[in-house]
Amino acid sequence: MRIGIDIMGGDYAPEAIMLGSALAFKELPENIRLVLIGDENQITSICRNHSIPVENFEIVHATQQIGMGDHPIKSFSQKTDSSIVVGFRMLKEGRIDSFASAGNTGAMLVGAMQVIKSVPGIIRPAIAAAIPRLTEKPILLLDVGLNPDCRPDVLYQYAILGKIYARDVFGISEPRIGLLNIGSEDEKGNLLTKSTFQAMKDTTDFTFYGNVEGNDLFGDKVDVIICDGFIGNVMLKEAEAFYSLIRKRKIQDPFFEKFNFVHYGGTPVLGVNAPVLIAHGISNDIAIKNLIRQSIDVVKADIAGKIKEAFK
């Protein structure tokens, strides 16, 4: 297995990405190879300064970098030797099994959509986030920002994507799917959620629990919560805000520490033809280590292959 990492992406790149890769290497079996994509001179310099054996990794030199403030579409087409573009090219060619970056999110989405492309049958891919809860397994929330406007058939497909991910990555044998709404009653909601509920209520494609509300986000009613990317992004950022507030209030609790994004690494793009993972721009070395571990889990579970099979 070959895991591709964009060494040049992120607010603390390349050092934090390199150090995170070194941490991950210590925990990896021999059959997994980390492929570092970026400026070879900077990579070797960091390895030398931190006594990291450079031979532990495969280095693919890229002369350019897409900055966090660069225009995603323009930079992707103009910086053809950037670490992000090179990474997507390698993923498409099968030279790596997954590609992950903490860099320019827009450019990563351009690569996912234009280079790797959607699985045939998928109307719109989604990005999913794991949300902690008191039970052992987290809740999967999607979409959390890729598609702010959705149709009922798109949300229906999200439920299938969420089912596959929760089943094969989280290990939940029959994930319960909930539709995020302003009430639990069947008739609640706006035009979108009412129409989606009607499409889901008698389905055999997944186990549909029904409507759930915002206060069910950390509960055990369902395993997957479906919503459009606008609402999902607001929910995710609100959870991050509460974690930040708890830290500022110096409240110590093991459960609340699960909300620290570094434990999850990144969010997968579900519905494209190969594993693509996007990490937070402020990712540190621990976050990158967990991003690499998450990439391995996605590849092992063959999520892209199972999504293709489901949408034949």
C-alpha atoms as a PDB file:
ATOM      1  CA  MET A   1       0.000   0.000   0.000  1.00  0.00           C
ATOM      2  CA  ARG A   2       1.312   3.427  -0.982  1.00  0.00           C
ATOM      3  CA  ILE A   3      -0.022   6.476   0.893  1.00  0.00           C
ATOM      4  CA  GLY A   4       0.556   9.851  -0.788  1.00  0.00           C
ATOM      5  CA  ILE A   5       1.064  12.917   1.415  1.00  0.00           C
ATOM      6  CA  ASP A   6       1.265  16.545   0.301  1.00  0.00           C
ATOM      7  CA  ILE A   7       4.246  17.791   2.286  1.00  0.00           C
ATOM      8  CA  MET A   8       3.767  21.397   1.163  1.00  0.00           C
ATOM      9  CA  GLY A   9       0.109  21.798   2.214  1.00  0.00           C
ATOM     10  CA  GLY A  10      -0.991  23.470   5.445  1.00  0.00           C
ATOM     11  CA  ASP A  11      -0.289  26.485   7.622  1.00  0.00           C
ATOM     12  CA  TYR A  12       2.672  24.730   9.274  1.00  0.00           C
ATOM     13  CA  ALA A  13       4.032  22.978   6.200  1.00  0.00           C
ATOM     14  CA  PRO A  14       6.406  21.527   5.394  1.00  0.00           C
ATOM     15  CA  GLU A  15       7.848  20.868   8.881  1.00  0.00           C
ATOM     16  CA  ALA A  16       4.649  19.767  10.675  1.00  0.00           C
ATOM     17  CA  ILE A  17       3.698  17.503   7.752  1.00  0.00           C
ATOM     18  CA  MET A  18       7.152  15.954   7.684  1.00  0.00           C
ATOM     19  CA  LEU A  19       7.229  15.391  11.444  1.00  0.00           C
ATOM     20  CA  GLY A  20       3.740  13.873  11.345  1.00  0.00           C
ATOM     21  CA  SER A  21       4.836  11.523   8.585  1.00  0.00           C
ATOM     22  CA  ALA A  22       7.809  10.479  10.720  1.00  0.00           C
ATOM     23  CA  LEU A  23       5.500   9.766  13.670  1.00  0.00           C
ATOM     24  CA  ALA A  24       3.233   7.677  11.453  1.00  0.00           C
ATOM     25  CA  PHE A  25       6.157   5.719  10.018  1.00  0.00           C
ATOM     26  CA  LYS A  26       7.017   4.398  13.488  1.00  0.00           C
ATOM     27  CA  GLU A  27       3.592   2.730  13.733  1.00  0.00           C
ATOM     28  CA  LEU A  28       3.259   1.375  10.192  1.00  0.00           C
ATOM     29  CA  PRO A  29       3.712  -2.231   9.067  1.00  0.00           C
ATOM     30  CA  GLU A  30       6.377  -2.939   6.478  1.00  0.00           C
ATOM     31  CA  ASN A  31       3.928  -3.305   3.589  1.00  0.00           C
ATOM     32  CA  ILE A  32       2.881   0.362   3.787  1.00  0.00           C
ATOM     33  CA  ARG A  33       5.014   2.954   2.049  1.00  0.00           C
ATOM     34  CA  LEU A  34       4.693   6.694   2.652  1.00  0.00           C
ATOM     35  CA  VAL A  35       5.145   8.738  -0.528  1.00  0.00           C
ATOM     36  CA  LEU A  36       6.046  12.338   0.286  1.00  0.00           C
ATOM     37  CA  ILE A  37       5.245  14.827  -2.459  1.00  0.00           C
ATOM     38  CA  GLY A  38       6.910  18.236  -2.342  1.00  0.00           C
ATOM     39  CA  ASP A  39      10.211  20.118  -2.382  1.00  0.00           C
ATOM     40  CA  GLU A  40      12.897  17.459  -1.972  1.00  0.00           C
ATOM     41  CA  ASN A  41      15.450  19.929  -0.625  1.00  0.00           C
ATOM     42  CA  GLN A  42      13.135  21.059   2.172  1.00  0.00           C
ATOM     43  CA  ILE A  43      12.173  17.473   2.973  1.00  0.00           C
ATOM     44  CA  THR A  44      15.767  16.303   3.275  1.00  0.00           C
ATOM     45  CA  SER A  45      16.704  19.394   5.296  1.00  0.00           C
ATOM     46  CA  ILE A  46      13.957  18.757   7.844  1.00  0.00           C
ATOM     47  CA  CYS A  47      14.942  15.091   8.055  1.00  0.00           C
ATOM     48  CA  ARG A  48      18.533  16.070   8.692  1.00  0.00           C
ATOM     49  CA  ASN A  49      17.630  18.652  11.347  1.00  0.00           C
ATOM     50  CA  HIS A  50      15.422  16.197  13.226  1.00  0.00           C
ATOM     51  CA  SER A  51      17.559  13.060  12.713  1.00  0.00           C
ATOM     52  CA  ILE A  52      14.859  11.376  10.624  1.00  0.00           C
ATOM     53  CA  PRO A  53      16.162   8.699   8.222  1.00  0.00           C
ATOM     54  CA  VAL A  54      15.159  10.007   4.810  1.00  0.00           C
ATOM     55  CA  GLU A  55      15.315   6.485   3.389  1.00  0.00           C
ATOM     56  CA  ASN A  56      12.168   5.650   5.398  1.00  0.00           C
ATOM     57  CA  PHE A  57      10.154   7.451   2.729  1.00  0.00           C
ATOM     58  CA  GLU A  58       9.764   7.707  -0.999  1.00  0.00           C
ATOM     59  CA  ILE A  59      10.160  11.324  -2.098  1.00  0.00           C
ATOM     60  CA  VAL A  60       8.548  12.721  -5.237  1.00  0.00           C
ATOM     61  CA  HIS A  61       9.947  16.146  -6.028  1.00  0.00           C
ATOM     62  CA  ALA A  62       7.502  18.940  -6.879  1.00  0.00           C
ATOM     63  CA  THR A  63       8.840  22.381  -7.732  1.00  0.00           C
ATOM     64  CA  GLN A  64       5.693  24.385  -7.012  1.00  0.00           C
ATOM     65  CA  GLN A  65       3.251  24.939  -4.172  1.00  0.00           C
ATOM     66  CA  ILE A  66      -0.407  25.981  -4.164  1.00  0.00           C
ATOM     67  CA  GLY A  67      -0.721  28.453  -1.314  1.00  0.00           C
ATOM     68  CA  MET A  68      -3.620  28.592   1.119  1.00  0.00           C
ATOM     69  CA  GLY A  69      -4.746  31.912  -0.412  1.00  0.00           C
ATOM     70  CA  ASP A  70      -4.336  30.919  -4.061  1.00  0.00           C
ATOM     71  CA  HIS A  71      -7.372  30.737  -6.337  1.00  0.00           C
ATOM     72  CA  PRO A  72      -8.200  27.000  -6.468  1.00  0.00           C
ATOM     73  CA  ILE A  73      -9.115  26.603 -10.143  1.00  0.00           C
ATOM     74  CA  LYS A  74      -6.496  28.989 -11.546  1.00  0.00           C
ATOM     75  CA  SER A  75      -3.673  27.643  -9.405  1.00  0.00           C
ATOM     76  CA  PHE A  76      -4.558  24.028 -10.183  1.00  0.00           C
ATOM     77  CA  SER A  77      -4.382  24.698 -13.927  1.00  0.00           C
ATOM     78  CA  GLN A  78      -1.322  26.979 -13.784  1.00  0.00           C
ATOM     79  CA  LYS A  79       0.867  25.279 -11.168  1.00  0.00           C
ATOM     80  CA  THR A  80       1.107  21.922 -12.901  1.00  0.00           C
ATOM     81  CA  ASP A  81       4.199  20.868 -10.918  1.00  0.00           C
ATOM     82  CA  SER A  82       2.718  21.741  -7.535  1.00  0.00           C
ATOM     83  CA  SER A  83       2.552  19.065  -4.848  1.00  0.00           C
ATOM     84  CA  ILE A  84      -1.265  18.922  -5.037  1.00  0.00           C
ATOM     85  CA  VAL A  85      -1.407  18.546  -8.828  1.00  0.00           C
ATOM     86  CA  VAL A  86       1.413  15.986  -8.838  1.00  0.00           C
ATOM     87  CA  GLY A  87      -0.360  14.061  -6.069  1.00  0.00           C
ATOM     88  CA  PHE A  88      -3.621  13.858  -7.992  1.00  0.00           C
ATOM     89  CA  ARG A  89      -1.771  12.854 -11.151  1.00  0.00           C
ATOM     90  CA  MET A  90      -0.100  10.001  -9.273  1.00  0.00           C
ATOM     91  CA  LEU A  91      -3.411   8.917  -7.730  1.00  0.00           C
ATOM     92  CA  LYS A  92      -5.131   8.845 -11.123  1.00  0.00           C
ATOM     93  CA  GLU A  93      -2.258   6.812 -12.594  1.00  0.00           C
ATOM     94  CA  GLY A  94      -2.418   4.310  -9.730  1.00  0.00           C
ATOM     95  CA  ARG A  95       1.074   5.139  -8.460  1.00  0.00           C
ATOM     96  CA  ILE A  96      -0.353   5.823  -4.984  1.00  0.00           C
ATOM     97  CA  ASP A  97      -3.412   4.293  -3.324  1.00  0.00           C
ATOM     98  CA  SER A  98      -4.620   7.466  -1.606  1.00  0.00           C
ATOM     99  CA  PHE A  99      -3.776  11.160  -1.483  1.00  0.00           C
ATOM    100  CA  ALA A 100      -4.116  13.491   1.495  1.00  0.00           C
ATOM    101  CA  SER A 101      -3.342  17.142   2.113  1.00  0.00           C
ATOM    102  CA  ALA A 102      -3.803  19.877   4.717  1.00  0.00           C
ATOM    103  CA  GLY A 103      -3.352  22.463   1.962  1.00  0.00           C
ATOM    104  CA  ASN A 104      -5.717  24.561  -0.138  1.00  0.00           C
ATOM    105  CA  THR A 105      -9.131  22.907   0.312  1.00  0.00           C
ATOM    106  CA  GLY A 106     -10.523  24.378  -2.891  1.00  0.00           C
ATOM    107  CA  ALA A 107      -7.636  23.011  -4.934  1.00  0.00           C
ATOM    108  CA  MET A 108      -8.077  19.595  -3.331  1.00  0.00           C
ATOM    109  CA  LEU A 109     -11.744  19.605  -4.307  1.00  0.00           C
ATOM    110  CA  VAL A 110     -10.859  20.682  -7.857  1.00  0.00           C
ATOM    111  CA  GLY A 111      -8.493  17.727  -8.093  1.00  0.00           C
ATOM    112  CA  ALA A 112     -11.028  15.311  -6.656  1.00  0.00           C
ATOM    113  CA  MET A 113     -13.757  16.436  -9.047  1.00  0.00           C
ATOM    114  CA  GLN A 114     -11.763  17.107 -12.236  1.00  0.00           C
ATOM    115  CA  VAL A 115      -8.934  14.557 -12.063  1.00  0.00           C
ATOM    116  CA  ILE A 116     -10.247  11.633 -10.009  1.00  0.00           C
ATOM    117  CA  LYS A 117     -13.899  12.415 -10.850  1.00  0.00           C
ATOM    118  CA  SER A 118     -17.153  11.183  -9.391  1.00  0.00           C
ATOM    119  CA  VAL A 119     -18.113   7.529  -9.319  1.00  0.00           C
ATOM    120  CA  PRO A 120     -20.587   6.911 -12.196  1.00  0.00           C
ATOM    121  CA  GLY A 121     -24.081   7.351 -10.819  1.00  0.00           C
ATOM    122  CA  ILE A 122     -23.081   9.772  -8.057  1.00  0.00           C
ATOM    123  CA  ILE A 123     -24.841  13.110  -8.519  1.00  0.00           C
ATOM    124  CA  ARG A 124     -22.552  14.987  -6.137  1.00  0.00           C
ATOM    125  CA  PRO A 125     -19.780  13.707  -3.849  1.00  0.00           C
ATOM    126  CA  ALA A 126     -19.759  14.713  -0.182  1.00  0.00           C
ATOM    127  CA  ILE A 127     -17.290  15.274   2.614  1.00  0.00           C
ATOM    128  CA  ALA A 128     -17.977  13.554   5.905  1.00  0.00           C
ATOM    129  CA  ALA A 129     -16.912  14.260   9.482  1.00  0.00           C
ATOM    130  CA  ALA A 130     -16.751  11.958  12.497  1.00  0.00           C
ATOM    131  CA  ILE A 131     -18.501  13.495  15.520  1.00  0.00           C
ATOM    132  CA  PRO A 132     -17.743  12.072  19.001  1.00  0.00           C
ATOM    133  CA  ARG A 133     -20.488  10.722  21.212  1.00  0.00           C
ATOM    134  CA  LEU A 134     -20.629   8.875  24.534  1.00  0.00           C
ATOM    135  CA  THR A 135     -20.729   5.469  22.862  1.00  0.00           C
ATOM    136  CA  GLU A 136     -17.555   3.945  21.429  1.00  0.00           C
ATOM    137  CA  LYS A 137     -18.256   4.668  17.771  1.00  0.00           C
ATOM    138  CA  PRO A 138     -18.607   8.260  16.507  1.00  0.00           C
ATOM    139  CA  ILE A 139     -21.507   9.616  14.482  1.00  0.00           C
ATOM    140  CA  LEU A 140     -20.841  10.334  10.806  1.00  0.00           C
ATOM    141  CA  LEU A 141     -22.162  13.703   9.616  1.00  0.00           C
ATOM    142  CA  LEU A 142     -22.430  14.494   5.912  1.00  0.00           C
ATOM    143  CA  ASP A 143     -22.267  16.658   3.937  1.00  0.00           C
ATOM    144  CA  VAL A 144     -20.176  19.138   5.952  1.00  0.00           C
ATOM    145  CA  GLY A 145     -19.398  21.721   3.309  1.00  0.00           C
ATOM    146  CA  LEU A 146     -18.950  20.454  -0.221  1.00  0.00           C
ATOM    147  CA  ASN A 147     -22.522  21.104  -1.423  1.00  0.00           C
ATOM    148  CA  PRO A 148     -24.399  23.927   0.345  1.00  0.00           C
ATOM    149  CA  ASP A 149     -27.466  23.379  -1.863  1.00  0.00           C
ATOM    150  CA  CYS A 150     -28.892  19.903  -2.342  1.00  0.00           C
ATOM    151  CA  ARG A 151     -31.846  18.102  -3.892  1.00  0.00           C
ATOM    152  CA  PRO A 152     -33.671  15.198  -2.239  1.00  0.00           C
ATOM    153  CA  ASP A 153     -32.030  12.652  -4.545  1.00  0.00           C
ATOM    154  CA  VAL A 154     -28.591  13.980  -3.551  1.00  0.00           C
ATOM    155  CA  LEU A 155     -29.391  13.590   0.158  1.00  0.00           C
ATOM    156  CA  TYR A 156     -30.700  10.088  -0.543  1.00  0.00           C
ATOM    157  CA  GLN A 157     -27.356   9.199  -2.107  1.00  0.00           C
ATOM    158  CA  TYR A 158     -25.537  10.706   0.876  1.00  0.00           C
ATOM    159  CA  ALA A 159     -27.346   8.192   3.064  1.00  0.00           C
ATOM    160  CA  ILE A 160     -25.929   5.344   0.985  1.00  0.00           C
ATOM    161  CA  LEU A 161     -22.423   6.858   1.098  1.00  0.00           C
ATOM    162  CA  GLY A 162     -22.708   7.314   4.867  1.00  0.00           C
ATOM    163  CA  LYS A 163     -23.917   3.770   5.345  1.00  0.00           C
ATOM    164  CA  ILE A 164     -20.938   2.339   3.454  1.00  0.00           C
ATOM    165  CA  TYR A 165     -18.395   4.448   5.349  1.00  0.00           C
ATOM    166  CA  ALA A 166     -19.893   3.834   8.800  1.00  0.00           C
ATOM    167  CA  ARG A 167     -20.140   0.113   8.106  1.00  0.00           C
ATOM    168  CA  ASP A 168     -16.705  -0.478   6.616  1.00  0.00           C
ATOM    169  CA  VAL A 169     -14.552   2.096   8.452  1.00  0.00           C
ATOM    170  CA  PHE A 170     -16.338   2.470  11.808  1.00  0.00           C
ATOM    171  CA  GLY A 171     -17.339  -1.200  11.899  1.00  0.00           C
ATOM    172  CA  ILE A 172     -21.071  -0.607  12.504  1.00  0.00           C
ATOM    173  CA  SER A 173     -22.775  -3.610  10.934  1.00  0.00           C
ATOM    174  CA  GLU A 174     -26.096  -1.934  10.107  1.00  0.00           C
ATOM    175  CA  PRO A 175     -25.799   1.854  10.481  1.00  0.00           C
ATOM    176  CA  ARG A 176     -28.976   3.728  11.352  1.00  0.00           C
ATOM    177  CA  ILE A 177     -29.519   6.770   9.148  1.00  0.00           C
ATOM    178  CA  GLY A 178     -31.127   9.969  10.421  1.00  0.00           C
ATOM    179  CA  LEU A 179     -32.252  13.006   8.433  1.00  0.00           C
ATOM    180  CA  LEU A 180     -31.379  16.284  10.159  1.00  0.00           C
ATOM    181  CA  ASN A 181     -34.514  18.361  10.660  1.00  0.00           C
ATOM    182  CA  ILE A 182     -36.164  20.917  12.963  1.00  0.00           C
ATOM    183  CA  GLY A 183     -38.350  18.265  14.567  1.00  0.00           C
ATOM    184  CA  SER A 184     -38.643  14.506  14.852  1.00  0.00           C
ATOM    185  CA  GLU A 185     -42.197  14.285  13.539  1.00  0.00           C
ATOM    186  CA  ASP A 186     -42.645  12.900  10.024  1.00  0.00           C
ATOM    187  CA  GLU A 187     -44.299  16.052   8.676  1.00  0.00           C
ATOM    188  CA  LYS A 188     -41.680  18.496   9.980  1.00  0.00           C
ATOM    189  CA  GLY A 189     -39.221  20.462   7.881  1.00  0.00           C
ATOM    190  CA  ASN A 190     -38.829  22.589   4.782  1.00  0.00           C
ATOM    191  CA  LEU A 191     -39.436  21.555   1.186  1.00  0.00           C
ATOM    192  CA  LEU A 192     -36.087  19.791   0.952  1.00  0.00           C
ATOM    193  CA  THR A 193     -36.348  17.700   4.116  1.00  0.00           C
ATOM    194  CA  LYS A 194     -40.025  16.866   3.591  1.00  0.00           C
ATOM    195  CA  SER A 195     -39.334  15.565   0.092  1.00  0.00           C
ATOM    196  CA  THR A 196     -36.238  13.692   1.257  1.00  0.00           C
ATOM    197  CA  PHE A 197     -38.159  12.082   4.107  1.00  0.00           C
ATOM    198  CA  GLN A 198     -40.755  10.785   1.660  1.00  0.00           C
ATOM    199  CA  ALA A 199     -38.009   9.279  -0.495  1.00  0.00           C
ATOM    200  CA  MET A 200     -36.299   7.631   2.475  1.00  0.00           C
ATOM    201  CA  LYS A 201     -39.170   6.417   4.626  1.00  0.00           C
ATOM    202  CA  ASP A 202     -39.844   3.119   2.826  1.00  0.00           C
ATOM    203  CA  THR A 203     -36.377   2.451   1.444  1.00  0.00           C
ATOM    204  CA  THR A 204     -34.584  -0.884   1.565  1.00  0.00           C
ATOM    205  CA  ASP A 205     -31.232   0.663   0.580  1.00  0.00           C
ATOM    206  CA  PHE A 206     -30.410   1.547   4.198  1.00  0.00           C
ATOM    207  CA  THR A 207     -31.903   1.501   7.686  1.00  0.00           C
ATOM    208  CA  PHE A 208     -33.767   4.797   7.961  1.00  0.00           C
ATOM    209  CA  TYR A 209     -34.499   5.911  11.515  1.00  0.00           C
ATOM    210  CA  GLY A 210     -36.389   9.065  10.552  1.00  0.00           C
ATOM    211  CA  ASN A 211     -35.923  12.726  11.385  1.00  0.00           C
ATOM    212  CA  VAL A 212     -33.405  13.759  14.026  1.00  0.00           C
ATOM    213  CA  GLU A 213     -32.742  17.159  15.542  1.00  0.00           C
ATOM    214  CA  GLY A 214     -29.627  19.150  16.359  1.00  0.00           C
ATOM    215  CA  ASN A 215     -29.643  17.913  19.949  1.00  0.00           C
ATOM    216  CA  ASP A 216     -29.310  14.337  18.645  1.00  0.00           C
ATOM    217  CA  LEU A 217     -25.876  15.065  17.194  1.00  0.00           C
ATOM    218  CA  PHE A 218     -24.048  13.497  20.149  1.00  0.00           C
ATOM    219  CA  GLY A 219     -26.639  10.865  21.010  1.00  0.00           C
ATOM    220  CA  ASP A 220     -27.152   7.213  20.163  1.00  0.00           C
ATOM    221  CA  LYS A 221     -30.382   7.298  18.127  1.00  0.00           C
ATOM    222  CA  VAL A 222     -28.550   7.041  14.806  1.00  0.00           C
ATOM    223  CA  ASP A 223     -25.068   6.345  13.441  1.00  0.00           C
ATOM    224  CA  VAL A 224     -25.182   8.619  10.385  1.00  0.00           C
ATOM    225  CA  ILE A 225     -26.796  12.057  10.090  1.00  0.00           C
ATOM    226  CA  ILE A 226     -27.622  13.400   6.629  1.00  0.00           C
ATOM    227  CA  CYS A 227     -27.931  17.093   5.733  1.00  0.00           C
ATOM    228  CA  ASP A 228     -26.903  19.579   3.056  1.00  0.00           C
ATOM    229  CA  GLY A 229     -23.403  21.032   3.188  1.00  0.00           C
ATOM    230  CA  PHE A 230     -24.557  24.428   4.441  1.00  0.00           C
ATOM    231  CA  ILE A 231     -26.220  23.031   7.560  1.00  0.00           C
ATOM    232  CA  GLY A 232     -23.525  20.394   8.057  1.00  0.00           C
ATOM    233  CA  ASN A 233     -20.748  22.943   7.987  1.00  0.00           C
ATOM    234  CA  VAL A 234     -22.557  25.131  10.531  1.00  0.00           C
ATOM    235  CA  MET A 235     -23.060  22.106  12.812  1.00  0.00           C
ATOM    236  CA  LEU A 236     -19.412  21.097  12.536  1.00  0.00           C
ATOM    237  CA  LYS A 237     -18.115  24.602  13.229  1.00  0.00           C
ATOM    238  CA  GLU A 238     -20.478  24.925  16.210  1.00  0.00           C
ATOM    239  CA  ALA A 239     -19.057  21.721  17.688  1.00  0.00           C
ATOM    240  CA  GLU A 240     -15.548  23.113  17.179  1.00  0.00           C
ATOM    241  CA  ALA A 241     -16.607  26.363  18.870  1.00  0.00           C
ATOM    242  CA  PHE A 242     -17.878  24.511  21.957  1.00  0.00           C
ATOM    243  CA  TYR A 243     -14.595  22.601  22.185  1.00  0.00           C
ATOM    244  CA  SER A 244     -12.667  25.871  21.975  1.00  0.00           C
ATOM    245  CA  LEU A 245     -14.870  27.372  24.707  1.00  0.00           C
ATOM    246  CA  ILE A 246     -14.318  24.350  26.950  1.00  0.00           C
ATOM    247  CA  ARG A 247     -10.560  24.675  26.493  1.00  0.00           C
ATOM    248  CA  LYS A 248     -10.678  28.374  27.350  1.00  0.00           C
ATOM    249  CA  ARG A 249     -12.690  27.597  30.493  1.00  0.00           C
ATOM    250  CA  LYS A 250      -9.996  25.042  31.408  1.00  0.00           C
ATOM    251  CA  ILE A 251     -12.533  22.236  31.748  1.00  0.00           C
ATOM    252  CA  GLN A 252     -10.770  18.873  31.799  1.00  0.00           C
ATOM    253  CA  ASP A 253     -12.803  15.907  30.587  1.00  0.00           C
ATOM    254  CA  PRO A 254     -11.691  12.927  28.466  1.00  0.00           C
ATOM    255  CA  PHE A 255     -14.900  12.972  26.430  1.00  0.00           C
ATOM    256  CA  PHE A 256     -14.605  16.622  25.435  1.00  0.00           C
ATOM    257  CA  GLU A 257     -10.997  16.064  24.414  1.00  0.00           C
ATOM    258  CA  LYS A 258     -12.365  13.814  21.647  1.00  0.00           C
ATOM    259  CA  PHE A 259     -13.536  16.997  19.926  1.00  0.00           C
ATOM    260  CA  ASN A 260      -9.931  18.002  19.267  1.00  0.00           C
ATOM    261  CA  PHE A 261      -9.686  17.656  15.483  1.00  0.00           C
ATOM    262  CA  VAL A 262      -6.144  16.290  15.685  1.00  0.00           C
ATOM    263  CA  HIS A 263      -7.540  12.901  16.750  1.00  0.00           C
ATOM    264  CA  TYR A 264      -9.364  12.454  13.427  1.00  0.00           C
ATOM    265  CA  GLY A 265      -6.804  13.741  10.944  1.00  0.00           C
ATOM    266  CA  GLY A 266      -9.109  14.763   8.128  1.00  0.00           C
ATOM    267  CA  THR A 267     -12.328  14.297   6.212  1.00  0.00           C
ATOM    268  CA  PRO A 268     -12.726  11.890   3.286  1.00  0.00           C
ATOM    269  CA  VAL A 269     -14.290  12.912  -0.016  1.00  0.00           C
ATOM    270  CA  LEU A 270     -16.952  10.262  -0.563  1.00  0.00           C
ATOM    271  CA  GLY A 271     -18.192   9.442  -4.042  1.00  0.00           C
ATOM    272  CA  VAL A 272     -15.010   9.889  -6.095  1.00  0.00           C
ATOM    273  CA  ASN A 273     -13.064   7.115  -7.812  1.00  0.00           C
ATOM    274  CA  ALA A 274     -10.103   6.957  -5.420  1.00  0.00           C
ATOM    275  CA  PRO A 275      -9.394   7.833  -1.759  1.00  0.00           C
ATOM    276  CA  VAL A 276      -8.916  11.589  -1.221  1.00  0.00           C
ATOM    277  CA  LEU A 277      -8.652  13.050   2.280  1.00  0.00           C
ATOM    278  CA  ILE A 278      -8.634  16.711   3.277  1.00  0.00           C
ATOM    279  CA  ALA A 279      -7.103  17.845   6.575  1.00  0.00           C
ATOM    280  CA  HIS A 280      -7.508  21.043   8.578  1.00  0.00           C
ATOM    281  CA  GLY A 281      -5.134  23.799   7.462  1.00  0.00           C
ATOM    282  CA  ILE A 282      -3.790  24.211  11.010  1.00  0.00           C
ATOM    283  CA  SER A 283      -2.906  20.524  11.330  1.00  0.00           C
ATOM    284  CA  ASN A 284       0.088  19.772  13.532  1.00  0.00           C
ATOM    285  CA  ASP A 285       2.270  16.666  13.520  1.00  0.00           C
ATOM    286  CA  ILE A 286      -0.232  14.612  15.567  1.00  0.00           C
ATOM    287  CA  ALA A 287      -3.069  15.512  13.198  1.00  0.00           C
ATOM    288  CA  ILE A 288      -0.962  14.480  10.202  1.00  0.00           C
ATOM    289  CA  LYS A 289      -0.078  11.179  11.833  1.00  0.00           C
ATOM    290  CA  ASN A 290      -3.778  10.470  12.329  1.00  0.00           C
ATOM    291  CA  LEU A 291      -4.534  11.654   8.791  1.00  0.00           C
ATOM    292  CA  ILE A 292      -2.157   8.993   7.505  1.00  0.00           C
ATOM    293  CA  ARG A 293      -3.744   6.337   9.736  1.00  0.00           C
ATOM    294  CA  GLN A 294      -7.191   7.353   8.479  1.00  0.00           C
ATOM    295  CA  SER A 295      -5.962   7.139   4.878  1.00  0.00           C
ATOM    296  CA  ILE A 296      -4.821   3.586   5.513  1.00  0.00           C
ATOM    297  CA  ASP A 297      -8.205   2.635   7.015  1.00  0.00           C
ATOM    298  CA  VAL A 298     -10.026   4.037   3.959  1.00  0.00           C
ATOM    299  CA  VAL A 299      -7.780   2.138   1.550  1.00  0.00           C
ATOM    300  CA  LYS A 300      -8.059  -1.104   3.526  1.00  0.00           C
ATOM    301  CA  ALA A 301     -11.851  -0.828   3.583  1.00  0.00           C
ATOM    302  CA  ASP A 302     -11.893  -0.249  -0.204  1.00  0.00           C
ATOM    303  CA  ILE A 303     -14.487   2.487   0.259  1.00  0.00           C
ATOM    304  CA  ALA A 304     -14.182   3.734  -3.323  1.00  0.00           C
ATOM    305  CA  GLY A 305     -14.633   0.212  -4.684  1.00  0.00           C
ATOM    306  CA  LYS A 306     -17.676  -0.484  -2.518  1.00  0.00           C
ATOM    307  CA  ILE A 307     -19.268   2.820  -3.512  1.00  0.00           C
ATOM    308  CA  LYS A 308     -18.739   1.935  -7.181  1.00  0.00           C
ATOM    309  CA  GLU A 309     -20.379  -1.438  -6.591  1.00  0.00           C
ATOM    310  CA  ALA A 310     -23.343   0.165  -4.797  1.00  0.00           C
ATOM    311  CA  PHE A 311     -23.965   2.624  -7.636  1.00  0.00           C
ATOM    312  CA  LYS A 312     -23.634   0.261 -10.584  1.00  0.00           C
END
